[in-house]
Amino acid sequence: MKYTKIQKQTSDMRTAVLTAIAFATLTLSSAFAQVATDSSTRAKFDLVRSPGLANFPRVAPNAHGTVKIHSIGPVEIMKVEVSGLPPNTDFDFFVIQVPNLPFGLSWYQGDIQTDSKGDGSREFIGRFSIETFIVAPGVAPAPADPFHQAGSIPDATQNPQTNPVQIFHLGLWFNNPADVVKAGGPNTITPFNGEHNAGIQVLNTSNFPDANGPLEKVQ
């Protein structure tokens, strides 16, 4: 009897251990399945030469870009590769409401610098999906302009009120108008860099409709 009782206790313990292992395995499998599902969400599309350069054929005539977006659930990883641009030149990358003038609401994402061949790349981490938007429930004072550089476009003193606005397009601007002039374009100053004294746009997503930018495709 004593031997049978020990056997039963051992069998019960083995069953409990196996049950715990099975539960842990199932939990981990579910977690891995969720990561795999999230990781499989990908998008790939082109950036094209800005139609705003139509009157300036000498400015980056072979400009082209490729965007790859990889969703990891809470955020996306966006890799941008550009080519056919002036060499050793700084550019500024934005998420924008519409690809061409007047551009609408825009978000400064970061910089891309080209190498000696006019190629460049950068990875950005953020929200680059159907959930990308800007909202301002009310008007509030805006911070004072921290730069005050001559020729820069001044900051607003307050924000405009707006309901949520989806921003599904992308654009790339020359960081310095002098580089545009060097490439054969106009000395136009735009607000599309950190100091608000950038040059003109060179690449965008105008290969997509204004109201249906490529970020909308990332679910």
N, C-alpha and C. Protein backbone atom coordinates (compact mmCIF):
# COMPACT_ATOMS: atom_id res chain seq x y z
N MET A 1 0.83 -1.20 0.00
CA MET A 1 0.00 0.00 0.00
C MET A 1 0.86 1.25 0.00
N LYS A 2 1.89 1.26 0.82
CA LYS A 2 2.77 2.41 0.90
C LYS A 2 3.43 2.69 -0.44
N TYR A 3 3.85 1.59 -1.09
CA TYR A 3 4.50 1.74 -2.40
C TYR A 3 3.52 2.32 -3.43
N THR A 4 2.28 1.85 -3.42
CA THR A 4 1.25 2.33 -4.34
C THR A 4 0.95 3.80 -4.11
N LYS A 5 0.91 4.20 -2.85
CA LYS A 5 0.64 5.59 -2.51
C LYS A 5 1.75 6.51 -3.04
N ILE A 6 2.98 6.07 -2.88
CA ILE A 6 4.12 6.85 -3.38
C ILE A 6 4.05 6.95 -4.90
N GLN A 7 3.70 5.82 -5.54
CA GLN A 7 3.57 5.83 -6.99
C GLN A 7 2.52 6.84 -7.44
N LYS A 8 1.38 6.84 -6.71
CA LYS A 8 0.30 7.77 -7.07
C LYS A 8 0.75 9.22 -6.91
N GLN A 9 1.47 9.50 -5.80
CA GLN A 9 1.95 10.87 -5.57
C GLN A 9 2.93 11.29 -6.67
N THR A 10 3.80 10.34 -7.04
CA THR A 10 4.77 10.63 -8.10
C THR A 10 4.08 10.88 -9.43
N SER A 11 3.05 10.06 -9.70
CA SER A 11 2.30 10.21 -10.94
C SER A 11 1.56 11.55 -10.98
N ASP A 12 0.97 11.92 -9.82
CA ASP A 12 0.26 13.20 -9.75
C ASP A 12 1.22 14.36 -9.96
N MET A 13 2.40 14.27 -9.36
CA MET A 13 3.40 15.33 -9.49
C MET A 13 3.87 15.45 -10.94
N ARG A 14 4.07 14.28 -11.58
CA ARG A 14 4.51 14.29 -12.98
C ARG A 14 3.44 14.94 -13.86
N THR A 15 2.18 14.60 -13.58
CA THR A 15 1.08 15.18 -14.35
C THR A 15 1.03 16.69 -14.19
N ALA A 16 1.22 17.15 -12.94
CA ALA A 16 1.19 18.60 -12.68
C ALA A 16 2.31 19.31 -13.40
N VAL A 17 3.51 18.71 -13.39
CA VAL A 17 4.65 19.32 -14.06
C VAL A 17 4.42 19.39 -15.57
N LEU A 18 3.92 18.26 -16.13
CA LEU A 18 3.68 18.24 -17.57
C LEU A 18 2.60 19.25 -17.97
N THR A 19 1.59 19.39 -17.09
CA THR A 19 0.53 20.37 -17.37
C THR A 19 1.09 21.78 -17.38
N ALA A 20 1.96 22.07 -16.39
CA ALA A 20 2.57 23.40 -16.31
C ALA A 20 3.44 23.68 -17.53
N ILE A 21 4.20 22.66 -17.96
CA ILE A 21 5.05 22.83 -19.14
C ILE A 21 4.21 23.07 -20.38
N ALA A 22 3.12 22.31 -20.50
CA ALA A 22 2.24 22.46 -21.66
C ALA A 22 1.63 23.85 -21.69
N PHE A 23 1.21 24.35 -20.52
CA PHE A 23 0.62 25.68 -20.44
C PHE A 23 1.64 26.76 -20.81
N ALA A 24 2.87 26.60 -20.29
CA ALA A 24 3.92 27.57 -20.61
C ALA A 24 4.25 27.55 -22.09
N THR A 25 4.29 26.35 -22.67
CA THR A 25 4.59 26.23 -24.10
C THR A 25 3.50 26.89 -24.93
N LEU A 26 2.23 26.66 -24.53
CA LEU A 26 1.11 27.27 -25.25
C LEU A 26 1.16 28.78 -25.16
N THR A 27 1.50 29.30 -23.97
CA THR A 27 1.59 30.74 -23.78
C THR A 27 2.69 31.35 -24.64
N LEU A 28 3.86 30.70 -24.64
CA LEU A 28 4.96 31.20 -25.45
C LEU A 28 4.64 31.11 -26.93
N SER A 29 3.97 30.01 -27.33
CA SER A 29 3.61 29.86 -28.73
C SER A 29 2.68 30.98 -29.17
N SER A 30 1.73 31.33 -28.31
CA SER A 30 0.81 32.42 -28.63
C SER A 30 1.55 33.73 -28.77
N ALA A 31 2.51 33.97 -27.87
CA ALA A 31 3.30 35.20 -27.93
C ALA A 31 4.11 35.26 -29.21
N PHE A 32 4.75 34.15 -29.56
CA PHE A 32 5.55 34.11 -30.79
C PHE A 32 4.66 34.30 -32.01
N ALA A 33 3.45 33.71 -31.96
CA ALA A 33 2.54 33.85 -33.09
C ALA A 33 2.14 35.31 -33.25
N GLN A 34 1.91 36.03 -32.12
CA GLN A 34 1.56 37.44 -32.20
C GLN A 34 2.70 38.26 -32.78
N VAL A 35 3.92 37.99 -32.34
CA VAL A 35 5.08 38.71 -32.88
C VAL A 35 5.23 38.43 -34.36
N ALA A 36 5.04 37.17 -34.76
CA ALA A 36 5.17 36.82 -36.17
C ALA A 36 4.12 37.54 -37.00
N THR A 37 2.90 37.62 -36.47
CA THR A 37 1.84 38.31 -37.19
C THR A 37 2.17 39.79 -37.35
N ASP A 38 2.61 40.40 -36.23
CA ASP A 38 2.95 41.81 -36.29
C ASP A 38 4.14 42.06 -37.22
N SER A 39 5.14 41.15 -37.12
CA SER A 39 6.35 41.34 -37.91
C SER A 39 6.10 41.15 -39.40
N SER A 40 5.03 40.43 -39.76
CA SER A 40 4.78 40.16 -41.17
C SER A 40 4.09 41.34 -41.86
N THR A 41 3.67 42.34 -41.09
CA THR A 41 3.00 43.50 -41.69
C THR A 41 4.05 44.40 -42.31
N ARG A 42 4.10 44.42 -43.65
CA ARG A 42 5.13 45.17 -44.35
C ARG A 42 4.51 45.98 -45.48
N ALA A 43 5.18 47.05 -45.83
CA ALA A 43 4.76 47.85 -46.98
C ALA A 43 6.02 48.33 -47.68
N LYS A 44 5.94 48.42 -49.01
CA LYS A 44 7.06 48.92 -49.79
C LYS A 44 6.50 49.77 -50.92
N PHE A 45 7.06 50.96 -51.11
CA PHE A 45 6.59 51.84 -52.17
C PHE A 45 7.69 52.82 -52.54
N ASP A 46 7.48 53.55 -53.65
CA ASP A 46 8.49 54.46 -54.19
C ASP A 46 8.24 55.91 -53.77
N LEU A 47 9.32 56.66 -53.71
CA LEU A 47 9.28 58.11 -53.70
C LEU A 47 9.64 58.57 -55.11
N VAL A 48 8.93 59.59 -55.61
CA VAL A 48 9.19 60.06 -56.97
C VAL A 48 9.67 61.51 -56.94
N ARG A 49 10.29 61.91 -58.02
CA ARG A 49 10.76 63.31 -58.14
C ARG A 49 9.57 64.25 -58.04
N SER A 50 9.71 65.28 -57.24
CA SER A 50 8.61 66.20 -56.99
C SER A 50 8.15 66.89 -58.28
N PRO A 51 6.84 66.90 -58.57
CA PRO A 51 6.34 67.65 -59.72
C PRO A 51 6.65 69.14 -59.64
N GLY A 52 6.94 69.65 -58.43
CA GLY A 52 7.33 71.05 -58.29
C GLY A 52 8.65 71.39 -58.95
N LEU A 53 9.40 70.36 -59.36
CA LEU A 53 10.68 70.58 -60.04
C LEU A 53 10.53 70.56 -61.57
N ALA A 54 9.29 70.54 -62.06
CA ALA A 54 9.07 70.42 -63.51
C ALA A 54 9.76 71.52 -64.31
N ASN A 55 9.85 72.71 -63.73
CA ASN A 55 10.48 73.84 -64.44
C ASN A 55 11.98 73.93 -64.20
N PHE A 56 12.52 72.93 -63.49
CA PHE A 56 13.96 72.94 -63.17
C PHE A 56 14.55 71.56 -63.50
N PRO A 57 14.69 71.25 -64.78
CA PRO A 57 15.10 69.92 -65.20
C PRO A 57 16.51 69.53 -64.75
N ARG A 58 17.34 70.52 -64.41
CA ARG A 58 18.71 70.21 -63.99
C ARG A 58 18.79 69.74 -62.54
N VAL A 59 17.75 70.01 -61.75
CA VAL A 59 17.78 69.66 -60.33
C VAL A 59 17.43 68.18 -60.14
N ALA A 60 18.43 67.39 -59.79
CA ALA A 60 18.25 65.96 -59.48
C ALA A 60 17.31 65.27 -60.47
N PRO A 61 17.63 65.25 -61.76
CA PRO A 61 16.71 64.67 -62.75
C PRO A 61 16.46 63.17 -62.53
N ASN A 62 17.38 62.49 -61.86
CA ASN A 62 17.22 61.05 -61.62
C ASN A 62 16.85 60.73 -60.18
N ALA A 63 16.32 61.71 -59.47
CA ALA A 63 15.97 61.50 -58.06
C ALA A 63 14.94 60.38 -57.91
N HIS A 64 15.19 59.52 -56.96
CA HIS A 64 14.29 58.39 -56.71
C HIS A 64 14.47 57.92 -55.27
N GLY A 65 13.42 57.34 -54.73
CA GLY A 65 13.52 56.80 -53.38
C GLY A 65 12.66 55.56 -53.21
N THR A 66 13.01 54.75 -52.22
CA THR A 66 12.24 53.56 -51.87
C THR A 66 11.99 53.57 -50.37
N VAL A 67 10.76 53.26 -49.97
CA VAL A 67 10.39 53.22 -48.56
C VAL A 67 9.93 51.82 -48.21
N LYS A 68 10.45 51.28 -47.12
CA LYS A 68 10.01 49.99 -46.60
C LYS A 68 9.55 50.20 -45.16
N ILE A 69 8.34 49.75 -44.86
CA ILE A 69 7.79 49.90 -43.51
C ILE A 69 7.52 48.53 -42.94
N HIS A 70 8.02 48.32 -41.74
CA HIS A 70 7.91 47.04 -41.04
C HIS A 70 7.23 47.31 -39.70
N SER A 71 6.02 46.79 -39.54
CA SER A 71 5.28 47.00 -38.29
C SER A 71 5.74 46.02 -37.22
N ILE A 72 5.97 46.52 -36.02
CA ILE A 72 6.29 45.66 -34.88
C ILE A 72 5.22 45.80 -33.80
N GLY A 73 4.01 46.14 -34.22
CA GLY A 73 2.90 46.24 -33.29
C GLY A 73 2.64 47.67 -32.85
N PRO A 74 3.22 48.09 -31.72
CA PRO A 74 2.95 49.45 -31.21
C PRO A 74 3.51 50.54 -32.11
N VAL A 75 4.58 50.25 -32.86
CA VAL A 75 5.20 51.24 -33.73
C VAL A 75 5.63 50.58 -35.04
N GLU A 76 6.07 51.41 -35.98
CA GLU A 76 6.63 50.91 -37.23
C GLU A 76 8.09 51.34 -37.37
N ILE A 77 8.83 50.54 -38.10
CA ILE A 77 10.20 50.89 -38.50
C ILE A 77 10.16 51.21 -39.98
N MET A 78 10.51 52.43 -40.32
CA MET A 78 10.48 52.88 -41.71
C MET A 78 11.90 53.11 -42.22
N LYS A 79 12.29 52.39 -43.26
CA LYS A 79 13.61 52.56 -43.86
C LYS A 79 13.44 53.30 -45.18
N VAL A 80 14.16 54.40 -45.32
CA VAL A 80 14.09 55.22 -46.52
C VAL A 80 15.44 55.18 -47.23
N GLU A 81 15.43 54.83 -48.50
CA GLU A 81 16.63 54.83 -49.32
C GLU A 81 16.42 55.76 -50.50
N VAL A 82 17.38 56.65 -50.74
CA VAL A 82 17.27 57.62 -51.83
C VAL A 82 18.50 57.53 -52.73
N SER A 83 18.31 57.93 -53.98
CA SER A 83 19.43 57.92 -54.94
C SER A 83 19.18 59.00 -55.98
N GLY A 84 20.21 59.28 -56.79
CA GLY A 84 20.09 60.28 -57.84
C GLY A 84 20.03 61.71 -57.33
N LEU A 85 20.48 61.94 -56.11
CA LEU A 85 20.47 63.27 -55.52
C LEU A 85 21.86 63.89 -55.57
N PRO A 86 21.99 65.20 -55.37
CA PRO A 86 23.32 65.79 -55.31
C PRO A 86 24.17 65.13 -54.22
N PRO A 87 25.45 64.91 -54.48
CA PRO A 87 26.30 64.23 -53.50
C PRO A 87 26.62 65.10 -52.29
N ASN A 88 26.87 64.41 -51.17
CA ASN A 88 27.30 65.07 -49.93
C ASN A 88 26.42 66.26 -49.57
N THR A 89 25.12 66.01 -49.58
CA THR A 89 24.13 67.07 -49.37
C THR A 89 23.14 66.64 -48.29
N ASP A 90 22.70 67.59 -47.48
CA ASP A 90 21.74 67.31 -46.42
C ASP A 90 20.31 67.53 -46.90
N PHE A 91 19.42 66.63 -46.49
CA PHE A 91 18.00 66.72 -46.82
C PHE A 91 17.17 66.49 -45.56
N ASP A 92 15.92 66.97 -45.60
CA ASP A 92 15.02 66.86 -44.46
C ASP A 92 13.77 66.09 -44.86
N PHE A 93 13.40 65.12 -44.03
CA PHE A 93 12.32 64.19 -44.35
C PHE A 93 11.10 64.50 -43.48
N PHE A 94 9.92 64.57 -44.13
CA PHE A 94 8.69 64.94 -43.44
C PHE A 94 7.57 63.95 -43.75
N VAL A 95 6.69 63.76 -42.77
CA VAL A 95 5.38 63.13 -42.98
C VAL A 95 4.41 64.28 -43.23
N ILE A 96 3.65 64.22 -44.34
CA ILE A 96 2.86 65.36 -44.77
C ILE A 96 1.43 64.94 -45.14
N GLN A 97 0.55 65.92 -45.17
CA GLN A 97 -0.86 65.67 -45.43
C GLN A 97 -1.13 65.39 -46.91
N VAL A 98 -0.59 66.23 -47.80
CA VAL A 98 -0.69 66.01 -49.24
C VAL A 98 0.72 66.17 -49.82
N PRO A 99 1.02 65.49 -50.93
CA PRO A 99 2.41 65.43 -51.38
C PRO A 99 2.95 66.73 -51.98
N ASN A 100 2.10 67.51 -52.61
CA ASN A 100 2.53 68.74 -53.28
C ASN A 100 1.94 69.96 -52.58
N LEU A 101 2.32 71.14 -53.06
CA LEU A 101 1.75 72.37 -52.51
C LEU A 101 0.23 72.27 -52.43
N PRO A 102 -0.36 72.69 -51.28
CA PRO A 102 0.24 73.44 -50.16
C PRO A 102 0.78 72.56 -49.03
N PHE A 103 0.87 71.23 -49.23
CA PHE A 103 1.44 70.26 -48.30
C PHE A 103 0.57 69.99 -47.07
N GLY A 104 -0.20 70.95 -46.60
CA GLY A 104 -1.05 70.72 -45.44
C GLY A 104 -0.24 70.60 -44.17
N LEU A 105 -0.80 69.93 -43.18
CA LEU A 105 -0.10 69.72 -41.92
C LEU A 105 1.05 68.75 -42.12
N SER A 106 2.19 69.05 -41.49
CA SER A 106 3.41 68.28 -41.74
C SER A 106 4.15 68.03 -40.43
N TRP A 107 4.89 66.92 -40.41
CA TRP A 107 5.64 66.53 -39.22
C TRP A 107 7.09 66.27 -39.60
N TYR A 108 8.02 66.98 -38.95
CA TYR A 108 9.45 66.82 -39.22
C TYR A 108 9.93 65.49 -38.64
N GLN A 109 10.35 64.58 -39.53
CA GLN A 109 10.74 63.26 -39.07
C GLN A 109 12.24 63.10 -38.83
N GLY A 110 13.08 63.70 -39.69
CA GLY A 110 14.52 63.57 -39.50
C GLY A 110 15.29 63.93 -40.75
N ASP A 111 16.59 63.67 -40.71
CA ASP A 111 17.51 64.07 -41.78
C ASP A 111 18.03 62.86 -42.55
N ILE A 112 18.34 63.10 -43.80
CA ILE A 112 19.03 62.12 -44.64
C ILE A 112 20.17 62.83 -45.35
N GLN A 113 21.37 62.31 -45.25
CA GLN A 113 22.54 62.90 -45.91
C GLN A 113 23.02 61.95 -46.99
N THR A 114 23.30 62.50 -48.18
CA THR A 114 23.79 61.67 -49.27
C THR A 114 25.31 61.50 -49.19
N ASP A 115 25.78 60.43 -49.81
CA ASP A 115 27.22 60.18 -49.88
C ASP A 115 27.79 60.77 -51.16
N SER A 116 29.01 60.40 -51.49
CA SER A 116 29.68 60.96 -52.66
C SER A 116 29.02 60.55 -53.97
N LYS A 117 28.16 59.55 -53.93
CA LYS A 117 27.45 59.10 -55.14
C LYS A 117 26.03 59.66 -55.23
N GLY A 118 25.61 60.41 -54.21
CA GLY A 118 24.25 60.93 -54.21
C GLY A 118 23.22 59.97 -53.65
N ASP A 119 23.70 58.93 -52.96
CA ASP A 119 22.81 57.96 -52.33
C ASP A 119 22.74 58.23 -50.83
N GLY A 120 21.63 57.85 -50.22
CA GLY A 120 21.50 58.01 -48.78
C GLY A 120 20.42 57.09 -48.23
N SER A 121 20.46 56.84 -46.93
CA SER A 121 19.44 56.01 -46.30
C SER A 121 19.32 56.37 -44.83
N ARG A 122 18.16 56.08 -44.27
CA ARG A 122 17.92 56.34 -42.85
C ARG A 122 16.75 55.50 -42.40
N GLU A 123 16.82 55.04 -41.14
CA GLU A 123 15.69 54.34 -40.53
C GLU A 123 15.04 55.25 -39.48
N PHE A 124 13.71 55.26 -39.48
CA PHE A 124 12.95 56.03 -38.51
C PHE A 124 12.00 55.08 -37.77
N ILE A 125 11.79 55.33 -36.49
CA ILE A 125 10.88 54.53 -35.68
C ILE A 125 9.77 55.44 -35.18
N GLY A 126 8.53 55.07 -35.42
CA GLY A 126 7.40 55.88 -34.99
C GLY A 126 6.10 55.27 -35.46
N ARG A 127 5.07 56.10 -35.54
CA ARG A 127 3.77 55.65 -36.02
C ARG A 127 3.62 56.03 -37.48
N PHE A 128 3.80 55.07 -38.38
CA PHE A 128 3.73 55.29 -39.82
C PHE A 128 2.71 54.32 -40.40
N SER A 129 1.44 54.57 -40.11
CA SER A 129 0.38 53.64 -40.49
C SER A 129 -0.92 54.40 -40.67
N ILE A 130 -2.00 53.65 -40.77
CA ILE A 130 -3.32 54.25 -40.92
C ILE A 130 -3.68 55.11 -39.70
N GLU A 131 -2.95 54.96 -38.60
CA GLU A 131 -3.22 55.72 -37.38
C GLU A 131 -2.37 57.00 -37.27
N THR A 132 -1.65 57.36 -38.31
CA THR A 132 -0.82 58.57 -38.27
C THR A 132 -1.69 59.80 -38.48
N PHE A 133 -1.71 60.69 -37.48
CA PHE A 133 -2.56 61.88 -37.58
C PHE A 133 -2.03 62.99 -36.69
N ILE A 134 -2.56 64.20 -36.93
CA ILE A 134 -2.30 65.37 -36.10
C ILE A 134 -3.63 65.89 -35.60
N VAL A 135 -3.69 66.32 -34.34
CA VAL A 135 -4.92 66.86 -33.78
C VAL A 135 -4.60 68.03 -32.86
N ALA A 136 -5.49 69.01 -32.81
CA ALA A 136 -5.36 70.14 -31.89
C ALA A 136 -6.75 70.47 -31.36
N PRO A 137 -7.15 69.89 -30.22
CA PRO A 137 -8.50 70.12 -29.70
C PRO A 137 -8.80 71.59 -29.41
N GLY A 138 -7.76 72.36 -29.13
CA GLY A 138 -7.98 73.78 -28.86
C GLY A 138 -6.74 74.60 -29.18
N VAL A 139 -6.91 75.91 -29.13
CA VAL A 139 -5.80 76.84 -29.39
C VAL A 139 -5.00 77.04 -28.11
N ALA A 140 -3.67 77.04 -28.25
CA ALA A 140 -2.79 77.23 -27.10
C ALA A 140 -1.57 78.02 -27.54
N PRO A 141 -0.90 78.73 -26.62
CA PRO A 141 0.31 79.46 -26.99
C PRO A 141 1.41 78.50 -27.46
N ALA A 142 2.15 78.90 -28.47
CA ALA A 142 3.26 78.10 -28.98
C ALA A 142 4.57 78.61 -28.41
N PRO A 143 5.56 77.73 -28.24
CA PRO A 143 6.86 78.17 -27.71
C PRO A 143 7.49 79.26 -28.58
N ALA A 144 8.30 80.07 -27.98
CA ALA A 144 9.00 81.12 -28.72
C ALA A 144 9.99 80.50 -29.71
N ASP A 145 10.19 81.15 -30.83
CA ASP A 145 11.13 80.69 -31.84
C ASP A 145 12.53 80.61 -31.24
N PRO A 146 13.15 79.42 -31.20
CA PRO A 146 14.46 79.28 -30.57
C PRO A 146 15.63 79.68 -31.47
N PHE A 147 15.39 80.00 -32.74
CA PHE A 147 16.49 80.22 -33.68
C PHE A 147 16.69 81.69 -34.05
N HIS A 148 15.63 82.36 -34.47
CA HIS A 148 15.71 83.77 -34.84
C HIS A 148 16.79 84.03 -35.89
N GLN A 149 16.91 83.12 -36.84
CA GLN A 149 17.93 83.30 -37.87
C GLN A 149 17.39 84.18 -39.00
N ALA A 150 18.23 85.07 -39.48
CA ALA A 150 17.84 85.94 -40.59
C ALA A 150 17.46 85.10 -41.80
N GLY A 151 16.32 85.41 -42.38
CA GLY A 151 15.87 84.67 -43.55
C GLY A 151 15.00 83.47 -43.24
N SER A 152 14.95 83.05 -41.97
CA SER A 152 14.11 81.91 -41.60
C SER A 152 12.65 82.32 -41.54
N ILE A 153 11.77 81.38 -41.82
CA ILE A 153 10.34 81.63 -41.69
C ILE A 153 9.98 81.59 -40.22
N PRO A 154 9.38 82.65 -39.66
CA PRO A 154 9.16 82.72 -38.22
C PRO A 154 8.13 81.70 -37.73
N ASP A 155 8.26 81.31 -36.46
CA ASP A 155 7.30 80.41 -35.83
C ASP A 155 5.97 81.13 -35.58
N ALA A 156 4.89 80.35 -35.55
CA ALA A 156 3.60 80.89 -35.14
C ALA A 156 3.60 81.09 -33.63
N THR A 157 2.78 81.99 -33.17
CA THR A 157 2.68 82.25 -31.73
C THR A 157 1.61 81.38 -31.07
N GLN A 158 0.78 80.74 -31.88
CA GLN A 158 -0.21 79.81 -31.35
C GLN A 158 -0.60 78.82 -32.44
N ASN A 159 -1.18 77.70 -32.03
CA ASN A 159 -1.59 76.68 -32.99
C ASN A 159 -3.01 76.92 -33.48
N PRO A 160 -3.34 76.43 -34.67
CA PRO A 160 -4.73 76.46 -35.12
C PRO A 160 -5.49 75.26 -34.55
N GLN A 161 -6.73 75.45 -34.21
CA GLN A 161 -7.55 74.34 -33.73
C GLN A 161 -7.96 73.46 -34.90
N THR A 162 -7.91 72.14 -34.72
CA THR A 162 -8.34 71.22 -35.78
C THR A 162 -8.74 69.88 -35.21
N ASN A 163 -9.75 69.29 -35.82
CA ASN A 163 -10.07 67.89 -35.54
C ASN A 163 -8.94 67.02 -36.07
N PRO A 164 -8.94 65.73 -35.76
CA PRO A 164 -7.88 64.86 -36.28
C PRO A 164 -7.75 64.94 -37.80
N VAL A 165 -6.52 65.09 -38.26
CA VAL A 165 -6.21 65.12 -39.69
C VAL A 165 -5.20 64.01 -39.97
N GLN A 166 -5.58 63.08 -40.83
CA GLN A 166 -4.68 61.98 -41.18
C GLN A 166 -3.56 62.51 -42.07
N ILE A 167 -2.33 62.10 -41.81
CA ILE A 167 -1.18 62.51 -42.64
C ILE A 167 -0.49 61.25 -43.16
N PHE A 168 -0.76 60.93 -44.42
CA PHE A 168 -0.38 59.65 -45.01
C PHE A 168 0.69 59.78 -46.11
N HIS A 169 1.21 60.99 -46.35
CA HIS A 169 2.19 61.18 -47.41
C HIS A 169 3.57 61.48 -46.83
N LEU A 170 4.60 61.41 -47.70
CA LEU A 170 5.98 61.66 -47.30
C LEU A 170 6.63 62.62 -48.29
N GLY A 171 7.59 63.41 -47.80
CA GLY A 171 8.31 64.33 -48.68
C GLY A 171 9.71 64.58 -48.18
N LEU A 172 10.61 64.89 -49.12
CA LEU A 172 12.02 65.16 -48.80
C LEU A 172 12.39 66.53 -49.37
N TRP A 173 13.01 67.37 -48.53
CA TRP A 173 13.39 68.73 -48.91
C TRP A 173 14.90 68.93 -48.83
N PHE A 174 15.43 69.79 -49.71
CA PHE A 174 16.81 70.27 -49.56
C PHE A 174 16.90 71.01 -48.22
N ASN A 175 17.92 70.71 -47.45
CA ASN A 175 18.10 71.41 -46.18
C ASN A 175 18.53 72.86 -46.39
N ASN A 176 19.26 73.13 -47.47
CA ASN A 176 19.83 74.46 -47.68
C ASN A 176 19.48 74.97 -49.09
N PRO A 177 18.86 76.14 -49.21
CA PRO A 177 18.54 76.68 -50.54
C PRO A 177 19.77 76.86 -51.42
N ALA A 178 20.94 77.09 -50.80
CA ALA A 178 22.17 77.25 -51.59
C ALA A 178 22.49 75.98 -52.37
N ASP A 179 22.14 74.81 -51.82
CA ASP A 179 22.38 73.56 -52.53
C ASP A 179 21.44 73.42 -53.72
N VAL A 180 20.23 73.99 -53.61
CA VAL A 180 19.31 73.98 -54.74
C VAL A 180 19.87 74.84 -55.87
N VAL A 181 20.35 76.02 -55.52
CA VAL A 181 20.94 76.92 -56.52
C VAL A 181 22.12 76.25 -57.21
N LYS A 182 22.94 75.58 -56.42
CA LYS A 182 24.10 74.88 -56.98
C LYS A 182 23.67 73.79 -57.96
N ALA A 183 22.50 73.20 -57.70
CA ALA A 183 22.00 72.13 -58.57
C ALA A 183 21.22 72.65 -59.76
N GLY A 184 21.02 73.99 -59.83
CA GLY A 184 20.32 74.56 -60.97
C GLY A 184 18.89 74.96 -60.70
N GLY A 185 18.54 75.15 -59.40
CA GLY A 185 17.17 75.50 -59.04
C GLY A 185 17.07 76.86 -58.39
N PRO A 186 15.88 77.21 -57.87
CA PRO A 186 15.64 78.54 -57.32
C PRO A 186 16.11 78.67 -55.87
N ASN A 187 16.35 79.91 -55.47
CA ASN A 187 16.76 80.20 -54.09
C ASN A 187 15.53 80.45 -53.22
N THR A 188 14.64 79.48 -53.22
CA THR A 188 13.38 79.60 -52.47
C THR A 188 13.56 79.07 -51.05
N ILE A 189 13.07 79.83 -50.06
CA ILE A 189 13.16 79.41 -48.66
C ILE A 189 11.82 78.82 -48.23
N THR A 190 11.86 77.64 -47.63
CA THR A 190 10.67 76.97 -47.12
C THR A 190 10.89 76.63 -45.64
N PRO A 191 9.84 76.31 -44.89
CA PRO A 191 10.01 76.02 -43.47
C PRO A 191 10.40 74.58 -43.15
N PHE A 192 10.79 73.80 -44.16
CA PHE A 192 10.92 72.36 -43.97
C PHE A 192 12.32 71.91 -43.51
N ASN A 193 12.81 72.51 -42.44
CA ASN A 193 13.95 71.97 -41.69
C ASN A 193 13.86 72.50 -40.26
N GLY A 194 14.80 72.10 -39.42
CA GLY A 194 14.72 72.47 -38.01
C GLY A 194 14.77 73.95 -37.76
N GLU A 195 15.48 74.71 -38.62
CA GLU A 195 15.62 76.15 -38.44
C GLU A 195 14.63 76.93 -39.31
N HIS A 196 13.78 76.21 -40.07
CA HIS A 196 12.74 76.82 -40.92
C HIS A 196 13.33 77.69 -42.04
N ASN A 197 14.46 77.27 -42.60
CA ASN A 197 15.06 77.99 -43.73
C ASN A 197 15.57 77.00 -44.77
N ALA A 198 14.75 75.99 -45.07
CA ALA A 198 15.12 74.93 -46.00
C ALA A 198 14.94 75.38 -47.44
N GLY A 199 15.37 74.51 -48.35
CA GLY A 199 15.14 74.72 -49.78
C GLY A 199 13.84 74.07 -50.21
N ILE A 200 13.75 73.72 -51.49
CA ILE A 200 12.50 73.18 -52.04
C ILE A 200 12.45 71.65 -51.92
N GLN A 201 11.27 71.12 -52.17
CA GLN A 201 11.06 69.68 -52.10
C GLN A 201 11.68 69.00 -53.32
N VAL A 202 12.25 67.80 -53.09
CA VAL A 202 12.87 67.06 -54.20
C VAL A 202 12.19 65.72 -54.44
N LEU A 203 11.68 65.06 -53.40
CA LEU A 203 11.00 63.77 -53.54
C LEU A 203 9.69 63.80 -52.76
N ASN A 204 8.70 63.05 -53.25
CA ASN A 204 7.46 62.92 -52.49
C ASN A 204 6.70 61.67 -52.93
N THR A 205 5.50 61.51 -52.40
CA THR A 205 4.66 60.35 -52.73
C THR A 205 3.47 60.78 -53.58
N SER A 206 3.72 61.65 -54.55
CA SER A 206 2.65 62.08 -55.45
C SER A 206 2.24 60.99 -56.43
N ASN A 207 2.89 59.84 -56.39
CA ASN A 207 2.45 58.68 -57.15
C ASN A 207 1.22 58.04 -56.50
N PHE A 208 0.76 58.58 -55.37
CA PHE A 208 -0.47 58.17 -54.71
C PHE A 208 -1.43 59.36 -54.68
N PRO A 209 -2.75 59.11 -54.67
CA PRO A 209 -3.72 60.21 -54.62
C PRO A 209 -3.56 61.04 -53.35
N ASP A 210 -3.93 62.31 -53.44
CA ASP A 210 -3.80 63.21 -52.28
C ASP A 210 -4.49 62.67 -51.04
N ALA A 211 -5.68 62.11 -51.21
CA ALA A 211 -6.47 61.67 -50.06
C ALA A 211 -6.20 60.22 -49.67
N ASN A 212 -5.26 59.57 -50.34
CA ASN A 212 -4.97 58.16 -50.06
C ASN A 212 -3.48 57.89 -50.13
N GLY A 213 -2.74 58.53 -49.23
CA GLY A 213 -1.29 58.35 -49.19
C GLY A 213 -0.89 56.95 -48.80
N PRO A 214 0.36 56.57 -49.04
CA PRO A 214 0.79 55.19 -48.83
C PRO A 214 0.75 54.72 -47.38
N LEU A 215 0.88 55.63 -46.42
CA LEU A 215 0.85 55.18 -45.02
C LEU A 215 -0.51 54.61 -44.64
N GLU A 216 -1.54 54.99 -45.38
CA GLU A 216 -2.88 54.45 -45.12
C GLU A 216 -2.92 52.95 -45.36
N LYS A 217 -2.02 52.43 -46.20
CA LYS A 217 -2.01 51.02 -46.55
C LYS A 217 -1.44 50.16 -45.42
N VAL A 218 -0.76 50.79 -44.49
CA VAL A 218 -0.15 50.04 -43.38
C VAL A 218 -1.17 49.91 -42.26
N GLN A 219 -1.68 48.72 -42.09
CA GLN A 219 -2.74 48.48 -41.09
C GLN A 219 -2.15 48.15 -39.72
